[in-house]
Amino acid sequence: MAVTITQFGRTNLGKDIKLYTMKNKNQMEAAVTNIGACLVKLIVPNDKGDYKDIILGYDGGEEYLVNSCFFGATVGRCANRTAKAAFTIDGTTYNLAVNDNDNNLHSDFYKGMHKVLWDAKTSDDSVIFSYHSPDGENGFPGNLDMSVTYTLTDDNEIRIAYDGVSDKKTLINMTNHTYFNLSGHDHDTIEDTLLYINASNYTPVVAGAIPTGEIAPVKGTVMDFTQEKPVGRDIRADFEQLLLVKGYDHNYVVDGYNGSSKLIAVARADGRVMEVYSDLPGVQFYAGKCISPQEGKDGVIYRERTGFCLETQYFPNSANDPAFAHPIFDKGQKYKTETIYRFC
């Protein structure tokens, strides 16, 4: 296996945007770009041997400089929501961009890690992106050196490994924000996708999508995916949690979390099965209600619920909530995690 590198555009400062394409022995293909360390393409066969690109995205690198929906993005330093756009470490309060009501979402819409040009190097089956985030960038303490490695295996896995270390105690909670549609990125809905989530509990939210701090059972509610069901079956139910965020946009608490990798979700549609593995305590299931109408790859118009996300991460607002595992890392302490999307 070899990585093919092609020109994918230029930044506003005239720097090259590159596309790195990996293909395995089964003809599965994955492409990533140095803008935002974004996953751009994922071409996967179904059980009839029909290959389709199953993730939402754009045809050119310049479009990833806008990317208002975070298609394929590496999100950091802190994914998801932080209440009141601030957190405290050892008595010092750090302020983030107020960009989601009174809160912070995904660090910074315009200057987050999904908008920067990462350094890149390749191996036979991987692309390794690296970025130095200086002390104070987007409000976070510490000089952080972060790498994100995408690996395509002959077992039809796309592996995303994160490694980071800071010279100050800091908050790190990375994720990947790829939108999947297993029937093809040009399919008009994900509501027919069958989904299982290995989570007996979730974290309910208040208005603004900040968790209450409660860990609540899914059993007997429309939040339950412990038995496989279509994404759209209950999505319009008169249930307060769905009404608050216009459908599913909730953090699920992975059963039996112990820091080791385990199966956290299975999605299937059109003869494709995707298994998701992670060593993190939570996964944000987002059913794509807020995808703004826009032109994506191949001229396809994306709209609400044409893609879904399974974002592995620490819980939303976990830096501020004592009930949740804290993604606070000491000076020199390594941040290391991996998420695997495996196609059966």
Protein backbone atom coordinates (compact mmCIF):
# COMPACT_ATOMS: atom_id res chain seq x y z
CA MET A 1 0.00 0.00 0.00
CA ALA A 2 1.23 3.50 -0.79
CA VAL A 3 -0.09 6.98 -0.10
CA THR A 4 -0.78 9.17 -3.13
CA ILE A 5 -0.37 12.94 -2.67
CA THR A 6 -2.18 15.43 -4.90
CA GLN A 7 -2.78 19.16 -4.94
CA PHE A 8 -6.09 20.08 -3.28
CA GLY A 9 -6.02 23.89 -3.35
CA ARG A 10 -4.32 26.81 -1.63
CA THR A 11 -4.92 28.78 1.54
CA ASN A 12 -5.56 32.53 1.59
CA LEU A 13 -1.82 32.92 2.24
CA GLY A 14 -0.93 30.85 -0.81
CA LYS A 15 0.16 27.73 1.06
CA ASP A 16 -0.48 24.36 -0.54
CA ILE A 17 -3.43 22.27 0.56
CA LYS A 18 -2.75 18.60 -0.10
CA LEU A 19 -4.92 15.51 -0.42
CA TYR A 20 -3.45 12.24 0.82
CA THR A 21 -5.14 9.10 -0.53
CA MET A 22 -4.73 5.58 0.86
CA LYS A 23 -6.08 2.42 -0.78
CA ASN A 24 -5.97 -1.09 0.69
CA LYS A 25 -5.90 -4.51 -0.98
CA ASN A 26 -9.72 -4.64 -0.91
CA GLN A 27 -9.92 -1.39 -2.92
CA MET A 28 -11.31 0.51 0.06
CA GLU A 29 -10.08 4.09 -0.15
CA ALA A 30 -9.58 6.88 2.38
CA ALA A 31 -8.46 10.43 1.67
CA VAL A 32 -7.42 13.10 4.17
CA THR A 33 -6.23 16.68 3.89
CA ASN A 34 -3.76 18.83 5.80
CA ILE A 35 -6.42 21.52 6.28
CA GLY A 36 -7.93 20.66 9.64
CA ALA A 37 -6.57 17.11 9.42
CA CYS A 38 -9.95 16.38 7.86
CA LEU A 39 -11.21 13.06 6.54
CA VAL A 40 -12.38 13.90 3.00
CA LYS A 41 -13.35 10.59 1.37
CA LEU A 42 -14.14 7.08 2.51
CA ILE A 43 -14.95 4.73 -0.36
CA VAL A 44 -16.34 1.45 0.94
CA PRO A 45 -17.93 -1.59 -0.77
CA ASN A 46 -21.26 -3.08 0.24
CA ASP A 47 -22.13 -6.78 0.32
CA LYS A 48 -22.72 -6.70 -3.47
CA GLY A 49 -19.34 -5.14 -4.23
CA ASP A 50 -20.79 -1.68 -4.94
CA TYR A 51 -18.24 0.98 -3.92
CA LYS A 52 -19.50 4.35 -2.68
CA ASP A 53 -18.08 7.37 -0.88
CA ILE A 54 -19.95 7.31 2.43
CA ILE A 55 -18.94 10.60 4.08
CA LEU A 56 -20.04 14.17 3.51
CA GLY A 57 -17.46 16.69 2.36
CA TYR A 58 -16.16 18.95 -0.38
CA ASP A 59 -14.33 18.64 -3.69
CA GLY A 60 -11.71 21.29 -2.93
CA GLY A 61 -9.44 22.24 -0.06
CA GLU A 62 -10.54 25.87 -0.05
CA GLU A 63 -14.04 24.78 0.96
CA TYR A 64 -12.59 23.22 4.11
CA LEU A 65 -11.40 26.70 5.10
CA VAL A 66 -15.11 27.53 5.57
CA ASN A 67 -16.63 24.15 6.55
CA SER A 68 -19.32 25.51 8.85
CA CYS A 69 -20.63 22.01 9.65
CA PHE A 70 -17.19 20.55 10.52
CA PHE A 71 -17.35 17.87 7.79
CA GLY A 72 -14.63 15.29 8.51
CA ALA A 73 -12.89 17.66 10.90
CA THR A 74 -10.36 17.08 13.64
CA VAL A 75 -11.87 19.14 16.46
CA GLY A 76 -9.69 20.55 19.23
CA ARG A 77 -8.38 21.45 21.64
CA CYS A 78 -11.79 20.76 23.16
CA ALA A 79 -14.71 19.19 21.31
CA ASN A 80 -18.37 19.70 22.17
CA ARG A 81 -19.74 22.28 24.61
CA THR A 82 -18.19 24.08 27.55
CA ALA A 83 -20.66 25.93 29.78
CA LYS A 84 -20.29 29.70 29.97
CA ALA A 85 -17.29 29.38 27.63
CA ALA A 86 -14.88 29.02 30.53
CA PHE A 87 -13.14 26.42 32.69
CA THR A 88 -10.88 26.55 35.73
CA ILE A 89 -7.62 24.74 36.45
CA ASP A 90 -5.99 25.10 39.88
CA GLY A 91 -7.85 28.34 40.59
CA THR A 92 -7.15 30.00 37.25
CA THR A 93 -10.10 30.60 34.91
CA TYR A 94 -9.57 30.32 31.17
CA ASN A 95 -12.03 31.99 28.82
CA LEU A 96 -12.97 30.58 25.41
CA ALA A 97 -14.92 32.01 22.49
CA VAL A 98 -18.61 32.55 23.26
CA ASN A 99 -20.01 31.02 20.09
CA ASP A 100 -23.02 28.87 21.03
CA ASN A 101 -25.55 30.90 23.01
CA ASP A 102 -23.60 31.69 26.20
CA ASN A 103 -21.36 28.67 25.78
CA ASN A 104 -18.40 27.45 23.76
CA LEU A 105 -18.74 24.81 21.06
CA HIS A 106 -15.77 23.02 19.45
CA SER A 107 -13.19 25.53 20.75
CA ASP A 108 -13.35 28.17 17.98
CA PHE A 109 -15.34 28.14 14.73
CA TYR A 110 -12.78 30.25 12.86
CA LYS A 111 -9.41 29.45 14.47
CA GLY A 112 -9.84 25.94 15.87
CA MET A 113 -7.69 23.00 14.87
CA HIS A 114 -10.12 22.14 12.07
CA LYS A 115 -9.11 25.35 10.26
CA VAL A 116 -5.31 25.26 10.58
CA LEU A 117 -2.77 23.84 8.14
CA TRP A 118 -1.19 20.78 9.75
CA ASP A 119 2.26 19.42 8.92
CA ALA A 120 2.10 15.99 7.29
CA LYS A 121 4.26 12.97 6.67
CA THR A 122 3.36 9.57 5.28
CA SER A 123 4.18 5.90 5.72
CA ASP A 124 3.05 2.91 3.67
CA ASP A 125 -0.46 2.86 5.13
CA SER A 126 -0.74 6.04 7.23
CA VAL A 127 -0.77 9.82 7.16
CA ILE A 128 0.57 11.53 10.28
CA PHE A 129 -0.52 15.12 10.86
CA SER A 130 1.14 17.29 13.50
CA TYR A 131 0.41 20.74 14.85
CA HIS A 132 1.97 22.98 17.50
CA SER A 133 -0.70 24.92 19.36
CA PRO A 134 0.95 27.80 21.23
CA ASP A 135 0.22 28.74 24.83
CA GLY A 136 -2.98 30.80 24.96
CA GLU A 137 -4.26 29.84 21.50
CA ASN A 138 -8.06 30.11 21.55
CA GLY A 139 -7.86 30.58 25.33
CA PHE A 140 -6.21 27.28 26.26
CA PRO A 141 -3.12 27.13 28.49
CA GLY A 142 0.14 25.47 27.50
CA ASN A 143 2.17 24.84 24.39
CA LEU A 144 0.52 21.71 23.02
CA ASP A 145 2.12 19.42 20.46
CA MET A 146 -0.62 17.30 18.90
CA SER A 147 -0.51 14.60 16.25
CA VAL A 148 -3.36 12.81 14.48
CA THR A 149 -2.57 9.63 12.55
CA TYR A 150 -4.94 8.13 10.01
CA THR A 151 -4.25 4.50 9.12
CA LEU A 152 -6.11 2.39 6.57
CA THR A 153 -5.74 -1.34 7.22
CA ASP A 154 -6.37 -4.36 5.05
CA ASP A 155 -9.09 -5.30 7.55
CA ASN A 156 -11.11 -2.36 6.19
CA GLU A 157 -10.48 -0.19 9.23
CA ILE A 158 -9.80 3.51 9.28
CA ARG A 159 -7.92 4.12 12.52
CA ILE A 160 -7.61 7.61 13.99
CA ALA A 161 -4.95 7.92 16.70
CA TYR A 162 -4.36 11.08 18.74
CA ASP A 163 -1.16 11.87 20.64
CA GLY A 164 -0.49 15.08 22.51
CA VAL A 165 1.59 16.62 25.27
CA SER A 166 1.61 20.12 26.80
CA ASP A 167 4.16 22.07 28.82
CA LYS A 168 1.36 23.27 31.17
CA LYS A 169 -1.62 21.63 32.80
CA THR A 170 -4.37 21.93 30.23
CA LEU A 171 -7.66 20.72 28.80
CA ILE A 172 -7.53 18.25 25.88
CA ASN A 173 -10.63 16.59 24.43
CA MET A 174 -10.21 15.83 20.74
CA THR A 175 -12.68 14.20 18.36
CA ASN A 176 -13.37 13.54 14.71
CA HIS A 177 -16.53 15.09 13.27
CA THR A 178 -17.09 12.97 10.17
CA TYR A 179 -20.67 12.74 8.89
CA PHE A 180 -21.52 9.25 7.64
CA ASN A 181 -24.20 8.10 5.23
CA LEU A 182 -23.69 4.39 4.64
CA SER A 183 -25.91 4.47 1.56
CA GLY A 184 -23.56 7.01 -0.03
CA HIS A 185 -22.90 10.67 0.57
CA ASP A 186 -25.44 11.43 -2.18
CA HIS A 187 -28.27 9.55 -0.42
CA ASP A 188 -31.03 11.85 0.78
CA THR A 189 -31.38 10.69 4.41
CA ILE A 190 -29.81 8.75 7.26
CA GLU A 191 -33.14 8.04 8.94
CA ASP A 192 -33.22 4.54 7.43
CA THR A 193 -29.82 3.66 8.96
CA LEU A 194 -29.98 0.96 11.63
CA LEU A 195 -28.01 1.92 14.74
CA TYR A 196 -26.87 0.18 17.91
CA ILE A 197 -25.05 2.06 20.70
CA ASN A 198 -23.37 0.18 23.53
CA ALA A 199 -24.68 2.55 26.18
CA SER A 200 -27.33 1.93 28.84
CA ASN A 201 -27.10 5.57 29.94
CA TYR A 202 -26.76 9.05 28.49
CA THR A 203 -26.23 12.58 29.80
CA PRO A 204 -29.46 14.65 29.60
CA VAL A 205 -29.12 18.32 28.70
CA VAL A 206 -30.81 21.63 29.43
CA ALA A 207 -31.55 24.32 26.86
CA GLY A 208 -28.25 25.15 25.17
CA ALA A 209 -27.29 21.45 25.18
CA ILE A 210 -25.21 21.61 28.37
CA PRO A 211 -25.46 18.37 30.41
CA THR A 212 -27.28 18.57 33.73
CA GLY A 213 -24.63 16.36 35.37
CA GLU A 214 -27.06 13.47 35.61
CA ILE A 215 -26.32 10.08 34.08
CA ALA A 216 -29.74 8.78 33.10
CA PRO A 217 -30.90 5.35 31.87
CA VAL A 218 -32.05 5.06 28.26
CA LYS A 219 -34.31 2.09 29.00
CA GLY A 220 -37.95 2.81 28.27
CA THR A 221 -37.18 6.03 26.40
CA VAL A 222 -36.66 7.04 22.76
CA MET A 223 -32.96 7.51 23.64
CA ASP A 224 -32.46 3.74 23.76
CA PHE A 225 -30.24 2.25 21.05
CA THR A 226 -29.16 -0.81 23.03
CA GLN A 227 -31.34 -2.74 20.60
CA GLU A 228 -30.70 -1.87 16.96
CA LYS A 229 -33.34 0.42 15.46
CA PRO A 230 -33.69 2.88 12.56
CA VAL A 231 -32.31 6.34 13.37
CA GLY A 232 -35.56 7.93 12.20
CA ARG A 233 -38.00 5.71 14.07
CA ASP A 234 -38.35 7.94 17.15
CA ILE A 235 -36.57 11.08 16.02
CA ARG A 236 -39.77 13.18 15.91
CA ALA A 237 -41.14 11.92 19.22
CA ASP A 238 -42.66 14.38 21.67
CA PHE A 239 -39.80 13.86 24.13
CA GLU A 240 -38.21 16.81 25.89
CA GLN A 241 -34.61 15.81 25.22
CA LEU A 242 -35.24 15.53 21.47
CA LEU A 243 -37.17 18.79 21.38
CA LEU A 244 -34.34 20.66 23.10
CA VAL A 245 -31.80 19.88 20.36
CA LYS A 246 -34.04 19.13 17.37
CA GLY A 247 -33.51 15.39 17.42
CA TYR A 248 -30.53 13.35 18.56
CA ASP A 249 -27.49 15.35 19.61
CA HIS A 250 -26.57 13.66 22.87
CA ASN A 251 -23.63 12.14 24.67
CA TYR A 252 -23.95 8.41 25.38
CA VAL A 253 -22.11 6.83 28.32
CA VAL A 254 -20.18 3.79 27.08
CA ASP A 255 -21.03 0.63 29.04
CA GLY A 256 -18.13 -0.87 30.99
CA TYR A 257 -15.70 1.96 30.23
CA ASN A 258 -12.25 1.14 31.62
CA GLY A 259 -9.89 3.01 29.31
CA SER A 260 -9.41 0.13 26.90
CA SER A 261 -10.77 -0.10 23.36
CA LYS A 262 -14.20 -1.63 22.97
CA LEU A 263 -17.10 -1.76 20.57
CA ILE A 264 -19.26 1.29 21.17
CA ALA A 265 -21.61 1.37 18.16
CA VAL A 266 -22.71 -0.47 15.03
CA ALA A 267 -24.46 1.20 12.07
CA ARG A 268 -25.78 -0.51 8.95
CA ALA A 269 -27.45 0.53 5.71
CA ASP A 270 -27.43 -0.55 2.04
CA GLY A 271 -25.35 -3.67 2.72
CA ARG A 272 -22.62 -1.79 4.61
CA VAL A 273 -21.88 -2.38 8.28
CA MET A 274 -19.73 0.03 10.30
CA GLU A 275 -18.41 -0.93 13.72
CA VAL A 276 -17.01 1.83 15.94
CA TYR A 277 -14.38 1.12 18.60
CA SER A 278 -13.00 3.58 21.14
CA ASP A 279 -11.11 3.80 24.43
CA LEU A 280 -13.01 6.94 25.50
CA PRO A 281 -15.93 7.17 27.97
CA GLY A 282 -18.48 8.83 25.71
CA VAL A 283 -19.79 9.11 22.18
CA GLN A 284 -21.85 12.00 20.87
CA PHE A 285 -24.54 10.75 18.52
CA TYR A 286 -25.57 13.63 16.25
CA ALA A 287 -28.24 12.98 13.63
CA GLY A 288 -27.40 16.02 11.50
CA LYS A 289 -30.49 18.17 12.04
CA CYS A 290 -28.53 21.42 11.67
CA ILE A 291 -26.74 20.68 8.39
CA SER A 292 -27.33 23.86 6.43
CA PRO A 293 -28.28 23.35 2.75
CA GLN A 294 -25.03 23.49 0.79
CA GLU A 295 -23.24 22.00 -2.17
CA GLY A 296 -20.89 19.17 -1.33
CA LYS A 297 -18.89 16.63 -3.31
CA ASP A 298 -19.96 15.91 -6.89
CA GLY A 299 -22.44 18.81 -6.77
CA VAL A 300 -24.65 17.00 -4.25
CA ILE A 301 -26.80 19.27 -2.07
CA TYR A 302 -26.52 18.29 1.58
CA ARG A 303 -29.42 19.06 3.89
CA GLU A 304 -30.55 18.21 7.40
CA ARG A 305 -30.25 14.52 8.31
CA THR A 306 -28.19 13.53 5.28
CA GLY A 307 -25.32 12.50 7.55
CA PHE A 308 -24.79 11.35 11.14
CA CYS A 309 -21.84 11.61 13.50
CA LEU A 310 -20.50 9.27 16.18
CA GLU A 311 -18.00 11.53 17.94
CA THR A 312 -15.89 9.67 20.50
CA GLN A 313 -14.83 11.93 23.37
CA TYR A 314 -14.97 12.88 27.02
CA PHE A 315 -18.42 14.10 28.03
CA PRO A 316 -19.57 17.62 27.10
CA ASN A 317 -18.63 20.22 29.73
CA SER A 318 -16.52 17.60 31.48
CA ALA A 319 -13.93 20.18 32.49
CA ASN A 320 -16.54 21.86 34.69
CA ASP A 321 -18.64 18.97 35.97
CA PRO A 322 -17.23 17.06 38.97
CA ALA A 323 -19.48 14.08 38.16
CA PHE A 324 -17.68 13.44 34.86
CA ALA A 325 -14.20 12.14 34.06
CA HIS A 326 -11.99 15.20 33.60
CA PRO A 327 -9.92 15.63 30.41
CA ILE A 328 -7.35 17.70 32.31
CA PHE A 329 -3.76 16.67 31.62
CA ASP A 330 -0.72 17.64 33.70
CA LYS A 331 2.42 19.18 32.29
CA GLY A 332 4.20 16.43 30.37
CA GLN A 333 1.32 13.97 30.76
CA LYS A 334 0.57 12.23 27.49
CA TYR A 335 -2.84 12.45 25.88
CA LYS A 336 -3.26 9.28 23.85
CA THR A 337 -6.44 7.78 22.39
CA GLU A 338 -7.63 5.92 19.31
CA THR A 339 -10.94 5.52 17.49
CA ILE A 340 -11.53 2.84 14.87
CA TYR A 341 -14.23 2.74 12.19
CA ARG A 342 -14.32 -0.83 10.86
CA PHE A 343 -16.33 -1.90 7.81
CA CYS A 344 -17.48 -5.50 7.77
